[in-house]
Amino acid sequence: MWQTKEKSIFPTIFFACCMFIVFVFIVMQNVVSADVVENFDADVQNASISDFILQKAGVILAMNIQDAKEKYEDTFDIETDYSFQKYVSDKNVLQNKEYEPVDLVEFNTENIVNKAARPYLRQAAATAFNEMTESFYKEFWEKIYVASAYRTYQDQVRLFDGWCTSIRCAKIWASEHQLGLAVDIHVATKYWYSHFASWYLDWMDENAYKYGFINTYSKGPQVDWKMKEIWHRRYVWVPFATELHESDMSFAERIKYNEEWIINN
């Protein structure tokens, strides 16, 4: 009787143990998945793709890699015209060639010398620009000279057809100024201005990203496809500007890096 009873109980105990292990595994998976979903945006916004993969190597295996790619691409949208990270170049033009932002506002001229024909930026960019110019003025008691800001499609047509070459200026349908996110700035000092003042450039290099601004054309035509424009600043949003600053990448380099990562993964 004992042997018969032992044979009948053992499978039941074994089955119960297996079910308990499965239950614990499912619970742990749900906890990990919730943690990934909750922290994914923050991780992607504050780290490069390589850092993100290294940090989440143990978790990414439990996720669909295609979902991870799509999530990353959704975080930094380089295609949509109204995205703060819209990337424009001779090969990546505006979807709507006559695109005009709907949230243009005039930026604060209190701490600047404005010579822009259209002193407008998109609202988020204008707010950040106001904060940046205020900080600059408080530190140096000097004003930023704004030579150009928002440009319409027709403004770009006149500029490009007039005197500007393709190596110097963006094509008509590929201007960051038309996005309402870019300014050409110098430093104004007692009625004169200079975009070669080293202290001004040093401050911009060290601080502009904190307000979401980058220099898109910082490394010359072999990297950025355009000549260097040390006076050019473009708003891309603070997390993305911070990533570019910390990785010492220009916008064009980051796009190329992203494309290579997607191809290889």
C-alpha atoms as a PDB file:
ATOM      1  CA  MET A   1       0.000   0.000   0.000  1.00  0.00           C
ATOM      2  CA  TRP A   2       2.816   2.378   0.800  1.00  0.00           C
ATOM      3  CA  GLN A   3       4.469   1.944  -2.592  1.00  0.00           C
ATOM      4  CA  THR A   4       1.193   2.460  -4.397  1.00  0.00           C
ATOM      5  CA  LYS A   5       0.446   5.615  -2.400  1.00  0.00           C
ATOM      6  CA  GLU A   6       3.962   7.017  -3.047  1.00  0.00           C
ATOM      7  CA  LYS A   7       3.565   6.535  -6.765  1.00  0.00           C
ATOM      8  CA  SER A   8       0.278   8.394  -6.835  1.00  0.00           C
ATOM      9  CA  ILE A   9       1.477  11.414  -4.761  1.00  0.00           C
ATOM     10  CA  PHE A  10       4.839  12.039  -6.419  1.00  0.00           C
ATOM     11  CA  PRO A  11       3.446  13.160  -9.822  1.00  0.00           C
ATOM     12  CA  THR A  12       1.060  15.526  -8.074  1.00  0.00           C
ATOM     13  CA  ILE A  13       3.838  17.121  -6.035  1.00  0.00           C
ATOM     14  CA  PHE A  14       6.081  17.360  -9.097  1.00  0.00           C
ATOM     15  CA  PHE A  15       3.302  18.995 -11.128  1.00  0.00           C
ATOM     16  CA  ALA A  16       2.562  21.495  -8.338  1.00  0.00           C
ATOM     17  CA  CYS A  17       6.246  22.460  -8.128  1.00  0.00           C
ATOM     18  CA  CYS A  18       6.422  22.982 -11.875  1.00  0.00           C
ATOM     19  CA  MET A  19       3.346  25.177 -11.856  1.00  0.00           C
ATOM     20  CA  PHE A  20       4.792  27.248  -9.009  1.00  0.00           C
ATOM     21  CA  ILE A  21       8.029  27.785 -10.943  1.00  0.00           C
ATOM     22  CA  VAL A  22       6.070  28.814 -14.050  1.00  0.00           C
ATOM     23  CA  PHE A  23       3.987  31.221 -11.972  1.00  0.00           C
ATOM     24  CA  VAL A  24       7.097  32.872 -10.484  1.00  0.00           C
ATOM     25  CA  PHE A  25       8.680  33.145 -13.935  1.00  0.00           C
ATOM     26  CA  ILE A  26       5.590  34.848 -15.371  1.00  0.00           C
ATOM     27  CA  VAL A  27       5.429  37.324 -12.495  1.00  0.00           C
ATOM     28  CA  MET A  28       9.100  38.205 -12.873  1.00  0.00           C
ATOM     29  CA  GLN A  29       8.716  38.661 -16.622  1.00  0.00           C
ATOM     30  CA  ASN A  30       5.826  41.040 -16.068  1.00  0.00           C
ATOM     31  CA  VAL A  31       7.857  43.049 -13.560  1.00  0.00           C
ATOM     32  CA  VAL A  32      10.798  43.295 -15.957  1.00  0.00           C
ATOM     33  CA  SER A  33       8.531  44.223 -18.861  1.00  0.00           C
ATOM     34  CA  ALA A  34       6.852  46.954 -16.827  1.00  0.00           C
ATOM     35  CA  ASP A  35      10.239  48.324 -15.838  1.00  0.00           C
ATOM     36  CA  VAL A  36      11.350  48.366 -19.478  1.00  0.00           C
ATOM     37  CA  VAL A  37       8.224  50.174 -20.653  1.00  0.00           C
ATOM     38  CA  GLU A  38       8.407  52.712 -17.824  1.00  0.00           C
ATOM     39  CA  ASN A  39      12.083  53.526 -18.312  1.00  0.00           C
ATOM     40  CA  PHE A  40      12.549  52.977 -22.041  1.00  0.00           C
ATOM     41  CA  ASP A  41      11.946  56.585 -23.075  1.00  0.00           C
ATOM     42  CA  ALA A  42      14.274  57.974 -20.430  1.00  0.00           C
ATOM     43  CA  ASP A  43      16.992  55.497 -21.336  1.00  0.00           C
ATOM     44  CA  VAL A  44      16.802  56.240 -25.034  1.00  0.00           C
ATOM     45  CA  GLN A  45      16.612  60.006 -24.597  1.00  0.00           C
ATOM     46  CA  ASN A  46      19.619  60.173 -22.295  1.00  0.00           C
ATOM     47  CA  ALA A  47      21.948  57.605 -23.809  1.00  0.00           C
ATOM     48  CA  SER A  48      23.278  56.652 -27.191  1.00  0.00           C
ATOM     49  CA  ILE A  49      21.969  53.491 -28.851  1.00  0.00           C
ATOM     50  CA  SER A  50      25.166  51.605 -28.015  1.00  0.00           C
ATOM     51  CA  ASP A  51      24.917  52.597 -24.340  1.00  0.00           C
ATOM     52  CA  PHE A  52      21.271  51.638 -24.295  1.00  0.00           C
ATOM     53  CA  ILE A  53      21.943  48.175 -25.726  1.00  0.00           C
ATOM     54  CA  LEU A  54      24.746  47.573 -23.237  1.00  0.00           C
ATOM     55  CA  GLN A  55      22.687  48.721 -20.276  1.00  0.00           C
ATOM     56  CA  LYS A  56      19.678  46.639 -21.245  1.00  0.00           C
ATOM     57  CA  ALA A  57      21.479  43.635 -22.738  1.00  0.00           C
ATOM     58  CA  GLY A  58      19.887  41.284 -20.247  1.00  0.00           C
ATOM     59  CA  VAL A  59      16.398  42.608 -20.910  1.00  0.00           C
ATOM     60  CA  ILE A  60      16.471  43.281 -24.642  1.00  0.00           C
ATOM     61  CA  LEU A  61      16.642  39.540 -25.281  1.00  0.00           C
ATOM     62  CA  ALA A  62      13.154  39.232 -23.825  1.00  0.00           C
ATOM     63  CA  MET A  63      11.818  41.904 -26.193  1.00  0.00           C
ATOM     64  CA  ASN A  64      11.204  41.924 -29.885  1.00  0.00           C
ATOM     65  CA  ILE A  65      14.192  43.721 -31.420  1.00  0.00           C
ATOM     66  CA  GLN A  66      11.997  45.289 -34.106  1.00  0.00           C
ATOM     67  CA  ASP A  67       9.776  46.801 -31.422  1.00  0.00           C
ATOM     68  CA  ALA A  68      12.884  48.252 -29.810  1.00  0.00           C
ATOM     69  CA  LYS A  69      13.952  49.866 -33.093  1.00  0.00           C
ATOM     70  CA  GLU A  70      10.508  51.291 -33.718  1.00  0.00           C
ATOM     71  CA  LYS A  71      10.377  52.643 -30.163  1.00  0.00           C
ATOM     72  CA  TYR A  72      13.704  54.379 -30.629  1.00  0.00           C
ATOM     73  CA  GLU A  73      12.678  55.859 -33.968  1.00  0.00           C
ATOM     74  CA  ASP A  74       9.438  57.128 -32.432  1.00  0.00           C
ATOM     75  CA  THR A  75      11.377  58.879 -29.673  1.00  0.00           C
ATOM     76  CA  PHE A  76      13.485  60.947 -32.091  1.00  0.00           C
ATOM     77  CA  ASP A  77      11.399  61.581 -35.215  1.00  0.00           C
ATOM     78  CA  ILE A  78      13.724  62.684 -38.023  1.00  0.00           C
ATOM     79  CA  GLU A  79      11.175  62.395 -40.833  1.00  0.00           C
ATOM     80  CA  THR A  80       8.041  64.353 -39.915  1.00  0.00           C
ATOM     81  CA  ASP A  81       8.203  68.015 -40.963  1.00  0.00           C
ATOM     82  CA  TYR A  82       6.884  69.324 -37.628  1.00  0.00           C
ATOM     83  CA  SER A  83       9.205  67.171 -35.504  1.00  0.00           C
ATOM     84  CA  PHE A  84      11.836  69.045 -33.496  1.00  0.00           C
ATOM     85  CA  GLN A  85      14.346  66.479 -34.778  1.00  0.00           C
ATOM     86  CA  LYS A  86      13.381  66.724 -38.437  1.00  0.00           C
ATOM     87  CA  TYR A  87      16.590  66.146 -40.396  1.00  0.00           C
ATOM     88  CA  VAL A  88      16.856  68.087 -43.630  1.00  0.00           C
ATOM     89  CA  SER A  89      19.584  67.805 -46.222  1.00  0.00           C
ATOM     90  CA  ASP A  90      19.895  67.742 -49.993  1.00  0.00           C
ATOM     91  CA  LYS A  91      18.827  64.077 -49.845  1.00  0.00           C
ATOM     92  CA  ASN A  92      16.287  64.341 -47.028  1.00  0.00           C
ATOM     93  CA  VAL A  93      13.981  67.202 -47.919  1.00  0.00           C
ATOM     94  CA  LEU A  94      10.726  68.492 -46.476  1.00  0.00           C
ATOM     95  CA  GLN A  95       7.705  66.313 -47.170  1.00  0.00           C
ATOM     96  CA  ASN A  96       5.739  69.495 -47.839  1.00  0.00           C
ATOM     97  CA  LYS A  97       8.075  71.821 -49.727  1.00  0.00           C
ATOM     98  CA  GLU A  98       6.033  74.866 -48.724  1.00  0.00           C
ATOM     99  CA  TYR A  99       5.777  73.771 -45.102  1.00  0.00           C
ATOM    100  CA  GLU A 100       4.970  76.553 -42.643  1.00  0.00           C
ATOM    101  CA  PRO A 101       4.913  75.880 -38.869  1.00  0.00           C
ATOM    102  CA  VAL A 102       1.595  76.641 -37.192  1.00  0.00           C
ATOM    103  CA  ASP A 103       3.069  77.599 -33.826  1.00  0.00           C
ATOM    104  CA  LEU A 104       5.448  80.401 -34.809  1.00  0.00           C
ATOM    105  CA  VAL A 105       5.866  83.118 -32.172  1.00  0.00           C
ATOM    106  CA  GLU A 106       8.069  86.178 -31.919  1.00  0.00           C
ATOM    107  CA  PHE A 107      11.024  85.635 -29.638  1.00  0.00           C
ATOM    108  CA  ASN A 108      11.948  88.090 -26.899  1.00  0.00           C
ATOM    109  CA  THR A 109      14.161  90.894 -28.192  1.00  0.00           C
ATOM    110  CA  GLU A 110      15.069  92.281 -24.765  1.00  0.00           C
ATOM    111  CA  ASN A 111      18.471  90.580 -24.580  1.00  0.00           C
ATOM    112  CA  ILE A 112      19.353  90.602 -28.277  1.00  0.00           C
ATOM    113  CA  VAL A 113      20.064  92.933 -31.165  1.00  0.00           C
ATOM    114  CA  ASN A 114      17.552  91.799 -33.750  1.00  0.00           C
ATOM    115  CA  LYS A 115      18.253  92.183 -37.462  1.00  0.00           C
ATOM    116  CA  ALA A 116      16.179  89.220 -38.599  1.00  0.00           C
ATOM    117  CA  ALA A 117      13.491  90.078 -41.125  1.00  0.00           C
ATOM    118  CA  ARG A 118      11.188  87.559 -39.452  1.00  0.00           C
ATOM    119  CA  PRO A 119      12.007  87.325 -35.707  1.00  0.00           C
ATOM    120  CA  TYR A 120      10.016  84.140 -35.241  1.00  0.00           C
ATOM    121  CA  LEU A 121      10.646  80.611 -34.050  1.00  0.00           C
ATOM    122  CA  ARG A 122       8.367  77.746 -33.135  1.00  0.00           C
ATOM    123  CA  GLN A 123       7.016  78.243 -29.638  1.00  0.00           C
ATOM    124  CA  ALA A 124       9.208  75.701 -27.838  1.00  0.00           C
ATOM    125  CA  ALA A 125      12.310  76.903 -29.690  1.00  0.00           C
ATOM    126  CA  ALA A 126      11.480  80.556 -28.970  1.00  0.00           C
ATOM    127  CA  THR A 127      11.064  79.849 -25.252  1.00  0.00           C
ATOM    128  CA  ALA A 128      14.390  78.035 -25.122  1.00  0.00           C
ATOM    129  CA  PHE A 129      16.085  80.785 -27.146  1.00  0.00           C
ATOM    130  CA  ASN A 130      14.761  83.426 -24.766  1.00  0.00           C
ATOM    131  CA  GLU A 131      16.204  81.510 -21.820  1.00  0.00           C
ATOM    132  CA  MET A 132      19.561  81.035 -23.546  1.00  0.00           C
ATOM    133  CA  THR A 133      19.969  84.678 -24.541  1.00  0.00           C
ATOM    134  CA  GLU A 134      18.954  85.803 -21.062  1.00  0.00           C
ATOM    135  CA  SER A 135      21.593  83.541 -19.484  1.00  0.00           C
ATOM    136  CA  PHE A 136      24.204  84.818 -21.930  1.00  0.00           C
ATOM    137  CA  TYR A 137      23.377  88.436 -21.167  1.00  0.00           C
ATOM    138  CA  LYS A 138      23.456  87.895 -17.396  1.00  0.00           C
ATOM    139  CA  GLU A 139      26.884  86.291 -17.630  1.00  0.00           C
ATOM    140  CA  PHE A 140      28.598  88.724 -20.036  1.00  0.00           C
ATOM    141  CA  TRP A 141      26.332  91.790 -20.156  1.00  0.00           C
ATOM    142  CA  GLU A 142      26.539  91.467 -23.918  1.00  0.00           C
ATOM    143  CA  LYS A 143      23.663  90.939 -26.318  1.00  0.00           C
ATOM    144  CA  ILE A 144      23.298  88.272 -28.975  1.00  0.00           C
ATOM    145  CA  TYR A 145      23.018  89.636 -32.506  1.00  0.00           C
ATOM    146  CA  VAL A 146      20.379  87.782 -34.541  1.00  0.00           C
ATOM    147  CA  ALA A 147      21.003  87.997 -38.273  1.00  0.00           C
ATOM    148  CA  SER A 148      18.322  85.556 -39.396  1.00  0.00           C
ATOM    149  CA  ALA A 149      15.631  83.314 -37.939  1.00  0.00           C
ATOM    150  CA  TYR A 150      12.504  81.910 -39.602  1.00  0.00           C
ATOM    151  CA  ARG A 151      12.430  81.953 -43.394  1.00  0.00           C
ATOM    152  CA  THR A 152       9.493  81.093 -45.610  1.00  0.00           C
ATOM    153  CA  TYR A 153       9.687  78.911 -48.673  1.00  0.00           C
ATOM    154  CA  GLN A 154       9.731  82.037 -50.835  1.00  0.00           C
ATOM    155  CA  ASP A 155      12.543  83.519 -48.728  1.00  0.00           C
ATOM    156  CA  GLN A 156      14.600  80.423 -49.455  1.00  0.00           C
ATOM    157  CA  VAL A 157      13.810  80.623 -53.173  1.00  0.00           C
ATOM    158  CA  ARG A 158      15.084  84.202 -53.343  1.00  0.00           C
ATOM    159  CA  LEU A 159      18.161  83.395 -51.283  1.00  0.00           C
ATOM    160  CA  PHE A 160      19.154  80.277 -53.206  1.00  0.00           C
ATOM    161  CA  ASP A 161      18.411  81.720 -56.642  1.00  0.00           C
ATOM    162  CA  GLY A 162      20.161  84.968 -55.783  1.00  0.00           C
ATOM    163  CA  TRP A 163      23.729  84.341 -54.691  1.00  0.00           C
ATOM    164  CA  CYS A 164      23.998  81.331 -52.398  1.00  0.00           C
ATOM    165  CA  THR A 165      25.661  78.131 -53.608  1.00  0.00           C
ATOM    166  CA  SER A 166      24.611  74.610 -52.635  1.00  0.00           C
ATOM    167  CA  ILE A 167      27.729  74.070 -50.539  1.00  0.00           C
ATOM    168  CA  ARG A 168      27.009  77.234 -48.563  1.00  0.00           C
ATOM    169  CA  CYS A 169      23.201  77.241 -48.306  1.00  0.00           C
ATOM    170  CA  ALA A 170      20.552  74.589 -47.894  1.00  0.00           C
ATOM    171  CA  LYS A 171      18.394  73.803 -50.884  1.00  0.00           C
ATOM    172  CA  ILE A 172      15.064  75.549 -51.106  1.00  0.00           C
ATOM    173  CA  TRP A 173      13.158  72.615 -49.590  1.00  0.00           C
ATOM    174  CA  ALA A 174      15.832  71.583 -47.098  1.00  0.00           C
ATOM    175  CA  SER A 175      16.351  74.577 -44.806  1.00  0.00           C
ATOM    176  CA  GLU A 176      16.303  74.400 -41.033  1.00  0.00           C
ATOM    177  CA  HIS A 177      15.208  78.034 -41.065  1.00  0.00           C
ATOM    178  CA  GLN A 178      11.998  77.028 -42.851  1.00  0.00           C
ATOM    179  CA  LEU A 179      11.362  74.598 -39.998  1.00  0.00           C
ATOM    180  CA  GLY A 180      11.176  77.576 -37.655  1.00  0.00           C
ATOM    181  CA  LEU A 181      13.906  76.037 -35.511  1.00  0.00           C
ATOM    182  CA  ALA A 182      17.107  77.803 -36.590  1.00  0.00           C
ATOM    183  CA  VAL A 183      18.809  81.129 -35.963  1.00  0.00           C
ATOM    184  CA  ASP A 184      21.993  82.713 -37.297  1.00  0.00           C
ATOM    185  CA  ILE A 185      23.581  84.554 -34.394  1.00  0.00           C
ATOM    186  CA  HIS A 186      26.710  86.511 -33.519  1.00  0.00           C
ATOM    187  CA  VAL A 187      27.693  88.514 -30.482  1.00  0.00           C
ATOM    188  CA  ALA A 188      26.990  92.253 -30.448  1.00  0.00           C
ATOM    189  CA  THR A 189      29.470  94.489 -28.657  1.00  0.00           C
ATOM    190  CA  LYS A 190      29.020  98.266 -28.622  1.00  0.00           C
ATOM    191  CA  TYR A 191      27.364  98.546 -32.011  1.00  0.00           C
ATOM    192  CA  TRP A 192      29.547  96.037 -33.793  1.00  0.00           C
ATOM    193  CA  TYR A 193      29.262  92.284 -33.998  1.00  0.00           C
ATOM    194  CA  SER A 194      31.548  89.344 -34.522  1.00  0.00           C
ATOM    195  CA  HIS A 195      30.888  85.647 -34.942  1.00  0.00           C
ATOM    196  CA  PHE A 196      34.597  84.919 -34.457  1.00  0.00           C
ATOM    197  CA  ALA A 197      34.832  86.027 -30.812  1.00  0.00           C
ATOM    198  CA  SER A 198      36.358  82.976 -29.146  1.00  0.00           C
ATOM    199  CA  TRP A 199      34.750  83.515 -25.742  1.00  0.00           C
ATOM    200  CA  TYR A 200      31.318  83.712 -27.354  1.00  0.00           C
ATOM    201  CA  LEU A 201      31.888  80.533 -29.364  1.00  0.00           C
ATOM    202  CA  ASP A 202      33.242  78.732 -26.308  1.00  0.00           C
ATOM    203  CA  TRP A 203      30.140  79.657 -24.326  1.00  0.00           C
ATOM    204  CA  MET A 204      27.847  78.454 -27.110  1.00  0.00           C
ATOM    205  CA  ASP A 205      29.733  75.169 -27.462  1.00  0.00           C
ATOM    206  CA  GLU A 206      29.546  74.553 -23.723  1.00  0.00           C
ATOM    207  CA  ASN A 207      26.008  75.742 -23.023  1.00  0.00           C
ATOM    208  CA  ALA A 208      23.712  75.877 -26.071  1.00  0.00           C
ATOM    209  CA  TYR A 209      22.825  72.184 -25.811  1.00  0.00           C
ATOM    210  CA  LYS A 210      21.410  72.787 -22.321  1.00  0.00           C
ATOM    211  CA  TYR A 211      18.656  74.786 -24.017  1.00  0.00           C
ATOM    212  CA  GLY A 212      18.166  72.283 -26.855  1.00  0.00           C
ATOM    213  CA  PHE A 213      20.324  74.002 -29.500  1.00  0.00           C
ATOM    214  CA  ILE A 214      23.050  72.467 -31.654  1.00  0.00           C
ATOM    215  CA  ASN A 215      25.328  73.616 -34.458  1.00  0.00           C
ATOM    216  CA  THR A 216      24.200  71.451 -37.355  1.00  0.00           C
ATOM    217  CA  TYR A 217      27.070  72.499 -39.593  1.00  0.00           C
ATOM    218  CA  SER A 218      30.071  72.262 -37.297  1.00  0.00           C
ATOM    219  CA  LYS A 219      32.405  69.866 -39.095  1.00  0.00           C
ATOM    220  CA  GLY A 220      32.518  70.929 -42.730  1.00  0.00           C
ATOM    221  CA  PRO A 221      31.322  69.480 -46.064  1.00  0.00           C
ATOM    222  CA  GLN A 222      33.021  66.084 -45.747  1.00  0.00           C
ATOM    223  CA  VAL A 223      30.887  65.330 -42.681  1.00  0.00           C
ATOM    224  CA  ASP A 224      27.868  67.645 -42.762  1.00  0.00           C
ATOM    225  CA  TRP A 225      27.625  68.178 -46.538  1.00  0.00           C
ATOM    226  CA  LYS A 226      27.781  71.941 -46.014  1.00  0.00           C
ATOM    227  CA  MET A 227      30.501  74.431 -45.160  1.00  0.00           C
ATOM    228  CA  LYS A 228      31.016  75.215 -41.491  1.00  0.00           C
ATOM    229  CA  GLU A 229      28.581  77.754 -40.087  1.00  0.00           C
ATOM    230  CA  ILE A 230      29.792  78.688 -36.633  1.00  0.00           C
ATOM    231  CA  TRP A 231      26.964  81.220 -36.364  1.00  0.00           C
ATOM    232  CA  HIS A 232      24.193  78.655 -36.944  1.00  0.00           C
ATOM    233  CA  ARG A 233      22.146  77.237 -34.060  1.00  0.00           C
ATOM    234  CA  ARG A 234      19.196  74.936 -34.440  1.00  0.00           C
ATOM    235  CA  TYR A 235      16.717  73.679 -31.831  1.00  0.00           C
ATOM    236  CA  VAL A 236      16.309  69.880 -31.577  1.00  0.00           C
ATOM    237  CA  TRP A 237      15.028  69.433 -27.968  1.00  0.00           C
ATOM    238  CA  VAL A 238      17.223  69.158 -24.879  1.00  0.00           C
ATOM    239  CA  PRO A 239      17.580  65.328 -24.649  1.00  0.00           C
ATOM    240  CA  PHE A 240      18.684  65.015 -28.271  1.00  0.00           C
ATOM    241  CA  ALA A 241      20.983  68.052 -28.095  1.00  0.00           C
ATOM    242  CA  THR A 242      22.538  66.586 -24.952  1.00  0.00           C
ATOM    243  CA  GLU A 243      23.192  63.261 -26.668  1.00  0.00           C
ATOM    244  CA  LEU A 244      24.896  64.945 -29.612  1.00  0.00           C
ATOM    245  CA  HIS A 245      26.990  67.089 -27.284  1.00  0.00           C
ATOM    246  CA  GLU A 246      28.117  64.198 -25.097  1.00  0.00           C
ATOM    247  CA  SER A 247      28.955  61.981 -28.081  1.00  0.00           C
ATOM    248  CA  ASP A 248      30.680  64.847 -29.930  1.00  0.00           C
ATOM    249  CA  MET A 249      28.601  64.121 -33.032  1.00  0.00           C
ATOM    250  CA  SER A 250      27.120  66.513 -35.538  1.00  0.00           C
ATOM    251  CA  PHE A 251      23.532  65.934 -36.657  1.00  0.00           C
ATOM    252  CA  ALA A 252      24.678  64.327 -39.922  1.00  0.00           C
ATOM    253  CA  GLU A 253      27.051  61.985 -38.079  1.00  0.00           C
ATOM    254  CA  ARG A 254      24.239  60.911 -35.749  1.00  0.00           C
ATOM    255  CA  ILE A 255      21.930  60.138 -38.656  1.00  0.00           C
ATOM    256  CA  LYS A 256      24.610  58.045 -40.328  1.00  0.00           C
ATOM    257  CA  TYR A 257      25.307  56.224 -37.060  1.00  0.00           C
ATOM    258  CA  ASN A 258      21.614  55.488 -36.602  1.00  0.00           C
ATOM    259  CA  GLU A 259      21.280  54.129 -40.145  1.00  0.00           C
ATOM    260  CA  GLU A 260      24.285  51.846 -39.706  1.00  0.00           C
ATOM    261  CA  TRP A 261      22.979  50.551 -36.377  1.00  0.00           C
ATOM    262  CA  ILE A 262      19.591  49.665 -37.862  1.00  0.00           C
ATOM    263  CA  ILE A 263      21.218  47.914 -40.836  1.00  0.00           C
ATOM    264  CA  ASN A 264      23.556  45.897 -38.639  1.00  0.00           C
ATOM    265  CA  ASN A 265      20.923  44.918 -36.089  1.00  0.00           C
END
